[in-house]
């Protein structure tokens, strides 16, 4: 659970670092104020589009298998941002960054639900939201401080380098015996499975 909190903190720190870097990036990339403003929500486009696929993949493959790969994908997105030369490449990096970050919430929920007391599920999810909020603060503050000492590209390269130890830590700490793929519950079709799930009051809530 702690490793997943750090993972969420990393994701949100990287995402929110764009805010203090935006003015310098706009000048460096030669984009208009409108384009500069669109680069930021591109993250949310990737984040929204990947939510359901992320949940489905986590259900099938488990957090221990996917989270290290997602951490590396975050590093790749940061590298794309660091090497970007214009609006299109910057948006591409931000969309991929959002797609990778979409795994954080469902993965934390999966780890919490399977490895910790069910009666404390809401509390642990609240703790995870605190980590996400802390990542927002760290991204803005850290991005501002690092940019002031170097440049926005250096900030992105630092975030890229941080992806590897993050991936190794998640691979090492997420035990496969608990957080691996779930056993197949049967051969029921998708519609029958959905009906069965909706009978469960907890699922509806």
C-alpha atoms as a PDB file:
ATOM      1  CA  UNK A   1       0.000   0.000   0.000  1.00  0.00           C
ATOM      2  CA  UNK A   2       2.839   2.390   0.844  1.00  0.00           C
ATOM      3  CA  UNK A   3       4.505   1.719  -2.497  1.00  0.00           C
ATOM      4  CA  UNK A   4       1.223   2.552  -4.252  1.00  0.00           C
ATOM      5  CA  UNK A   5       0.961   5.812  -2.307  1.00  0.00           C
ATOM      6  CA  UNK A   6       4.436   6.775  -3.508  1.00  0.00           C
ATOM      7  CA  UNK A   7       3.442   5.773  -7.035  1.00  0.00           C
ATOM      8  CA  UNK A   8       0.373   8.059  -6.920  1.00  0.00           C
ATOM      9  CA  UNK A   9       2.491  10.839  -5.413  1.00  0.00           C
ATOM     10  CA  UNK A  10       4.968  10.483  -8.290  1.00  0.00           C
ATOM     11  CA  UNK A  11       2.221  10.518 -10.908  1.00  0.00           C
ATOM     12  CA  UNK A  12       0.577  13.658  -9.552  1.00  0.00           C
ATOM     13  CA  UNK A  13       3.884  15.431  -8.973  1.00  0.00           C
ATOM     14  CA  UNK A  14       4.830  14.921 -12.609  1.00  0.00           C
ATOM     15  CA  UNK A  15       1.393  15.975 -13.832  1.00  0.00           C
ATOM     16  CA  UNK A  16       1.219  19.182 -11.808  1.00  0.00           C
ATOM     17  CA  UNK A  17       4.786  20.253 -12.559  1.00  0.00           C
ATOM     18  CA  UNK A  18       3.454  21.661 -15.849  1.00  0.00           C
ATOM     19  CA  UNK A  19       1.781  24.602 -14.096  1.00  0.00           C
ATOM     20  CA  UNK A  20       4.946  26.497 -13.056  1.00  0.00           C
ATOM     21  CA  UNK A  21       6.759  25.460 -16.254  1.00  0.00           C
ATOM     22  CA  UNK A  22       4.040  26.628 -18.635  1.00  0.00           C
ATOM     23  CA  UNK A  23       5.297  30.184 -19.316  1.00  0.00           C
ATOM     24  CA  UNK A  24       8.858  29.079 -20.091  1.00  0.00           C
ATOM     25  CA  UNK A  25       7.616  26.147 -22.174  1.00  0.00           C
ATOM     26  CA  UNK A  26       5.345  28.387 -24.223  1.00  0.00           C
ATOM     27  CA  UNK A  27       8.257  30.632 -25.168  1.00  0.00           C
ATOM     28  CA  UNK A  28      10.647  27.744 -25.808  1.00  0.00           C
ATOM     29  CA  UNK A  29       8.181  25.789 -27.955  1.00  0.00           C
ATOM     30  CA  UNK A  30       6.874  28.843 -29.760  1.00  0.00           C
ATOM     31  CA  UNK A  31       3.215  28.098 -29.040  1.00  0.00           C
ATOM     32  CA  UNK A  32       0.344  30.546 -28.696  1.00  0.00           C
ATOM     33  CA  UNK A  33      -1.335  31.194 -25.326  1.00  0.00           C
ATOM     34  CA  UNK A  34      -4.294  29.075 -26.476  1.00  0.00           C
ATOM     35  CA  UNK A  35      -2.036  26.166 -27.455  1.00  0.00           C
ATOM     36  CA  UNK A  36      -0.151  26.477 -24.191  1.00  0.00           C
ATOM     37  CA  UNK A  37      -3.455  26.262 -22.335  1.00  0.00           C
ATOM     38  CA  UNK A  38      -4.496  23.176 -24.315  1.00  0.00           C
ATOM     39  CA  UNK A  39      -1.315  21.272 -23.466  1.00  0.00           C
ATOM     40  CA  UNK A  40      -2.371  21.049 -19.818  1.00  0.00           C
ATOM     41  CA  UNK A  41      -5.851  19.450 -20.235  1.00  0.00           C
ATOM     42  CA  UNK A  42      -4.404  17.009 -22.778  1.00  0.00           C
ATOM     43  CA  UNK A  43      -3.360  15.084 -19.673  1.00  0.00           C
ATOM     44  CA  UNK A  44      -7.004  14.751 -18.643  1.00  0.00           C
ATOM     45  CA  UNK A  45      -7.988  13.469 -22.095  1.00  0.00           C
ATOM     46  CA  UNK A  46      -5.582  10.540 -21.790  1.00  0.00           C
ATOM     47  CA  UNK A  47      -6.562  10.086 -18.146  1.00  0.00           C
ATOM     48  CA  UNK A  48     -10.286   9.869 -18.928  1.00  0.00           C
ATOM     49  CA  UNK A  49      -9.994   7.656 -22.000  1.00  0.00           C
ATOM     50  CA  UNK A  50      -7.850   5.059 -20.208  1.00  0.00           C
ATOM     51  CA  UNK A  51      -9.878   4.740 -16.990  1.00  0.00           C
ATOM     52  CA  UNK A  52     -12.017   1.783 -18.117  1.00  0.00           C
ATOM     53  CA  UNK A  53      -9.209  -0.021 -19.986  1.00  0.00           C
ATOM     54  CA  UNK A  54      -6.975   0.495 -16.943  1.00  0.00           C
ATOM     55  CA  UNK A  55      -9.548  -1.085 -14.648  1.00  0.00           C
ATOM     56  CA  UNK A  56     -10.115  -3.995 -17.018  1.00  0.00           C
ATOM     57  CA  UNK A  57      -6.388  -4.659 -17.395  1.00  0.00           C
ATOM     58  CA  UNK A  58      -5.839  -4.491 -13.640  1.00  0.00           C
ATOM     59  CA  UNK A  59      -8.669  -6.978 -13.111  1.00  0.00           C
ATOM     60  CA  UNK A  60      -7.112  -9.374 -15.622  1.00  0.00           C
ATOM     61  CA  UNK A  61      -3.386  -8.967 -14.994  1.00  0.00           C
ATOM     62  CA  UNK A  62      -3.078  -7.483 -11.504  1.00  0.00           C
ATOM     63  CA  UNK A  63      -1.237  -4.458 -10.124  1.00  0.00           C
ATOM     64  CA  UNK A  64       2.075  -6.276  -9.606  1.00  0.00           C
ATOM     65  CA  UNK A  65       2.344  -6.925 -13.326  1.00  0.00           C
ATOM     66  CA  UNK A  66       1.067  -3.605 -14.650  1.00  0.00           C
ATOM     67  CA  UNK A  67       2.176  -0.873 -12.246  1.00  0.00           C
ATOM     68  CA  UNK A  68       5.936  -1.205 -12.986  1.00  0.00           C
ATOM     69  CA  UNK A  69       5.185  -0.981 -16.713  1.00  0.00           C
ATOM     70  CA  UNK A  70       2.960   2.038 -16.130  1.00  0.00           C
ATOM     71  CA  UNK A  71       5.742   3.725 -14.151  1.00  0.00           C
ATOM     72  CA  UNK A  72       8.077   3.208 -17.114  1.00  0.00           C
ATOM     73  CA  UNK A  73       5.396   4.570 -19.457  1.00  0.00           C
ATOM     74  CA  UNK A  74       5.273   7.693 -17.298  1.00  0.00           C
ATOM     75  CA  UNK A  75       9.024   8.058 -17.770  1.00  0.00           C
ATOM     76  CA  UNK A  76       8.597   7.719 -21.534  1.00  0.00           C
ATOM     77  CA  UNK A  77       5.937  10.444 -21.511  1.00  0.00           C
ATOM     78  CA  UNK A  78       8.275  12.739 -19.570  1.00  0.00           C
ATOM     79  CA  UNK A  79      11.056  12.036 -22.073  1.00  0.00           C
ATOM     80  CA  UNK A  80       8.720  12.943 -24.939  1.00  0.00           C
ATOM     81  CA  UNK A  81       7.925  16.189 -23.160  1.00  0.00           C
ATOM     82  CA  UNK A  82      11.616  16.887 -22.558  1.00  0.00           C
ATOM     83  CA  UNK A  83      12.383  16.371 -26.261  1.00  0.00           C
ATOM     84  CA  UNK A  84       9.292  18.175 -27.566  1.00  0.00           C
ATOM     85  CA  UNK A  85       9.820  20.840 -30.187  1.00  0.00           C
ATOM     86  CA  UNK A  86       6.294  22.123 -30.641  1.00  0.00           C
ATOM     87  CA  UNK A  87       2.621  21.837 -29.786  1.00  0.00           C
ATOM     88  CA  UNK A  88       2.014  18.354 -31.225  1.00  0.00           C
ATOM     89  CA  UNK A  89       4.869  16.593 -29.442  1.00  0.00           C
ATOM     90  CA  UNK A  90       4.062  18.334 -26.152  1.00  0.00           C
ATOM     91  CA  UNK A  91       0.415  17.261 -26.380  1.00  0.00           C
ATOM     92  CA  UNK A  92       1.495  13.706 -27.231  1.00  0.00           C
ATOM     93  CA  UNK A  93       3.628  13.571 -24.098  1.00  0.00           C
ATOM     94  CA  UNK A  94       0.837  14.944 -21.935  1.00  0.00           C
ATOM     95  CA  UNK A  95      -1.777  12.521 -23.305  1.00  0.00           C
ATOM     96  CA  UNK A  96       0.519   9.543 -22.653  1.00  0.00           C
ATOM     97  CA  UNK A  97       1.255  10.924 -19.181  1.00  0.00           C
ATOM     98  CA  UNK A  98      -2.469  11.053 -18.436  1.00  0.00           C
ATOM     99  CA  UNK A  99      -3.028   7.553 -19.808  1.00  0.00           C
ATOM    100  CA  UNK A 100      -0.344   6.222 -17.473  1.00  0.00           C
ATOM    101  CA  UNK A 101      -1.702   8.141 -14.484  1.00  0.00           C
ATOM    102  CA  UNK A 102      -5.152   6.636 -15.045  1.00  0.00           C
ATOM    103  CA  UNK A 103      -3.866   3.364 -13.551  1.00  0.00           C
ATOM    104  CA  UNK A 104      -2.999   4.922 -10.181  1.00  0.00           C
ATOM    105  CA  UNK A 105      -6.505   5.175  -8.693  1.00  0.00           C
ATOM    106  CA  UNK A 106      -7.799   1.740  -9.778  1.00  0.00           C
ATOM    107  CA  UNK A 107      -4.506   0.107  -8.765  1.00  0.00           C
ATOM    108  CA  UNK A 108      -4.651   1.629  -5.287  1.00  0.00           C
ATOM    109  CA  UNK A 109      -8.254   0.467  -4.955  1.00  0.00           C
ATOM    110  CA  UNK A 110      -7.324  -3.060  -6.052  1.00  0.00           C
ATOM    111  CA  UNK A 111      -4.403  -3.260  -3.640  1.00  0.00           C
ATOM    112  CA  UNK A 112      -6.491  -1.833  -0.798  1.00  0.00           C
ATOM    113  CA  UNK A 113      -9.463  -4.113  -1.450  1.00  0.00           C
ATOM    114  CA  UNK A 114      -7.415  -7.305  -1.668  1.00  0.00           C
ATOM    115  CA  UNK A 115      -4.658  -6.731   0.860  1.00  0.00           C
ATOM    116  CA  UNK A 116      -6.155  -4.653   3.671  1.00  0.00           C
ATOM    117  CA  UNK A 117      -9.205  -4.960   5.966  1.00  0.00           C
ATOM    118  CA  UNK A 118     -12.430  -4.383   4.041  1.00  0.00           C
ATOM    119  CA  UNK A 119     -13.887  -2.507   7.005  1.00  0.00           C
ATOM    120  CA  UNK A 120     -11.169   0.159   6.554  1.00  0.00           C
ATOM    121  CA  UNK A 121     -11.459   0.473   2.762  1.00  0.00           C
ATOM    122  CA  UNK A 122     -12.838   4.025   2.783  1.00  0.00           C
ATOM    123  CA  UNK A 123     -10.158   5.210   5.199  1.00  0.00           C
ATOM    124  CA  UNK A 124      -7.344   3.772   3.093  1.00  0.00           C
ATOM    125  CA  UNK A 125      -8.816   5.340  -0.052  1.00  0.00           C
ATOM    126  CA  UNK A 126      -8.942   8.631   1.825  1.00  0.00           C
ATOM    127  CA  UNK A 127      -5.252   8.249   2.643  1.00  0.00           C
ATOM    128  CA  UNK A 128      -4.548   7.625  -1.041  1.00  0.00           C
ATOM    129  CA  UNK A 129      -6.391  10.841  -1.941  1.00  0.00           C
ATOM    130  CA  UNK A 130      -4.157  12.675   0.529  1.00  0.00           C
ATOM    131  CA  UNK A 131      -1.150  11.308  -1.355  1.00  0.00           C
ATOM    132  CA  UNK A 132      -2.611  12.529  -4.634  1.00  0.00           C
ATOM    133  CA  UNK A 133      -3.181  15.976  -3.122  1.00  0.00           C
ATOM    134  CA  UNK A 134       0.378  16.039  -1.789  1.00  0.00           C
ATOM    135  CA  UNK A 135       1.584  15.224  -5.300  1.00  0.00           C
ATOM    136  CA  UNK A 136      -0.222  18.276  -6.598  1.00  0.00           C
ATOM    137  CA  UNK A 137       1.532  20.510  -4.090  1.00  0.00           C
ATOM    138  CA  UNK A 138       4.907  18.834  -4.688  1.00  0.00           C
ATOM    139  CA  UNK A 139       4.549  19.200  -8.444  1.00  0.00           C
ATOM    140  CA  UNK A 140       3.875  22.914  -8.344  1.00  0.00           C
ATOM    141  CA  UNK A 141       6.442  23.693  -5.665  1.00  0.00           C
ATOM    142  CA  UNK A 142       9.105  21.315  -6.937  1.00  0.00           C
ATOM    143  CA  UNK A 143       8.594  22.242 -10.565  1.00  0.00           C
ATOM    144  CA  UNK A 144       8.958  25.903  -9.706  1.00  0.00           C
ATOM    145  CA  UNK A 145      12.120  25.376  -7.650  1.00  0.00           C
ATOM    146  CA  UNK A 146      13.809  23.062 -10.172  1.00  0.00           C
ATOM    147  CA  UNK A 147      12.927  25.264 -13.112  1.00  0.00           C
ATOM    148  CA  UNK A 148      14.330  28.297 -11.337  1.00  0.00           C
ATOM    149  CA  UNK A 149      17.604  26.403 -10.840  1.00  0.00           C
ATOM    150  CA  UNK A 150      17.792  24.887 -14.330  1.00  0.00           C
ATOM    151  CA  UNK A 151      15.106  24.678 -17.046  1.00  0.00           C
ATOM    152  CA  UNK A 152      11.784  22.983 -17.717  1.00  0.00           C
ATOM    153  CA  UNK A 153      13.467  20.358 -19.893  1.00  0.00           C
ATOM    154  CA  UNK A 154      15.774  19.430 -17.014  1.00  0.00           C
ATOM    155  CA  UNK A 155      12.726  19.028 -14.777  1.00  0.00           C
ATOM    156  CA  UNK A 156      11.231  16.585 -17.293  1.00  0.00           C
ATOM    157  CA  UNK A 157      14.497  14.635 -17.540  1.00  0.00           C
ATOM    158  CA  UNK A 158      14.602  14.337 -13.752  1.00  0.00           C
ATOM    159  CA  UNK A 159      11.041  12.980 -13.810  1.00  0.00           C
ATOM    160  CA  UNK A 160      12.118  10.561 -16.545  1.00  0.00           C
ATOM    161  CA  UNK A 161      15.031   9.288 -14.457  1.00  0.00           C
ATOM    162  CA  UNK A 162      12.768   8.842 -11.410  1.00  0.00           C
ATOM    163  CA  UNK A 163      10.561   6.410 -13.351  1.00  0.00           C
ATOM    164  CA  UNK A 164      13.095   3.570 -13.270  1.00  0.00           C
ATOM    165  CA  UNK A 165      13.545   3.302  -9.471  1.00  0.00           C
ATOM    166  CA  UNK A 166       9.784   3.766  -9.132  1.00  0.00           C
ATOM    167  CA  UNK A 167       9.173   0.812 -11.469  1.00  0.00           C
ATOM    168  CA  UNK A 168      11.746  -1.352  -9.672  1.00  0.00           C
ATOM    169  CA  UNK A 169      10.273  -0.513  -6.260  1.00  0.00           C
ATOM    170  CA  UNK A 170       6.732  -1.392  -7.361  1.00  0.00           C
ATOM    171  CA  UNK A 171       7.913  -4.608  -9.013  1.00  0.00           C
ATOM    172  CA  UNK A 172       9.777  -5.583  -5.845  1.00  0.00           C
ATOM    173  CA  UNK A 173       7.139  -4.592  -3.272  1.00  0.00           C
ATOM    174  CA  UNK A 174       3.845  -5.667  -4.842  1.00  0.00           C
ATOM    175  CA  UNK A 175       3.564  -9.389  -3.961  1.00  0.00           C
ATOM    176  CA  UNK A 176       2.136 -11.459  -6.786  1.00  0.00           C
ATOM    177  CA  UNK A 177       0.431 -13.900  -4.450  1.00  0.00           C
ATOM    178  CA  UNK A 178      -1.941 -11.138  -3.324  1.00  0.00           C
ATOM    179  CA  UNK A 179      -2.039  -8.641  -6.140  1.00  0.00           C
ATOM    180  CA  UNK A 180      -1.839 -10.901  -9.171  1.00  0.00           C
ATOM    181  CA  UNK A 181      -4.624 -11.554 -11.642  1.00  0.00           C
ATOM    182  CA  UNK A 182      -7.863 -12.829 -10.179  1.00  0.00           C
ATOM    183  CA  UNK A 183      -9.077 -16.328 -10.926  1.00  0.00           C
ATOM    184  CA  UNK A 184     -11.724 -16.657 -13.616  1.00  0.00           C
ATOM    185  CA  UNK A 185     -15.123 -16.933 -11.925  1.00  0.00           C
ATOM    186  CA  UNK A 186     -16.682 -18.903 -14.776  1.00  0.00           C
ATOM    187  CA  UNK A 187     -17.627 -18.776 -18.408  1.00  0.00           C
ATOM    188  CA  UNK A 188     -20.616 -16.461 -18.054  1.00  0.00           C
ATOM    189  CA  UNK A 189     -20.993 -13.845 -20.758  1.00  0.00           C
ATOM    190  CA  UNK A 190     -20.463 -10.137 -20.233  1.00  0.00           C
ATOM    191  CA  UNK A 191     -24.193  -9.368 -19.890  1.00  0.00           C
ATOM    192  CA  UNK A 192     -24.775 -12.158 -17.373  1.00  0.00           C
ATOM    193  CA  UNK A 193     -21.726 -11.055 -15.384  1.00  0.00           C
ATOM    194  CA  UNK A 194     -22.973  -7.455 -15.351  1.00  0.00           C
ATOM    195  CA  UNK A 195     -26.407  -8.550 -14.102  1.00  0.00           C
ATOM    196  CA  UNK A 196     -24.773 -10.617 -11.381  1.00  0.00           C
ATOM    197  CA  UNK A 197     -22.641  -7.684 -10.284  1.00  0.00           C
ATOM    198  CA  UNK A 198     -25.554  -5.255 -10.152  1.00  0.00           C
ATOM    199  CA  UNK A 199     -27.439  -7.577  -7.801  1.00  0.00           C
ATOM    200  CA  UNK A 200     -24.714  -6.813  -5.247  1.00  0.00           C
ATOM    201  CA  UNK A 201     -25.614  -3.664  -3.327  1.00  0.00           C
ATOM    202  CA  UNK A 202     -21.957  -2.854  -2.618  1.00  0.00           C
ATOM    203  CA  UNK A 203     -21.224  -2.781  -6.329  1.00  0.00           C
ATOM    204  CA  UNK A 204     -24.041  -0.282  -6.954  1.00  0.00           C
ATOM    205  CA  UNK A 205     -22.784   1.948  -4.145  1.00  0.00           C
END
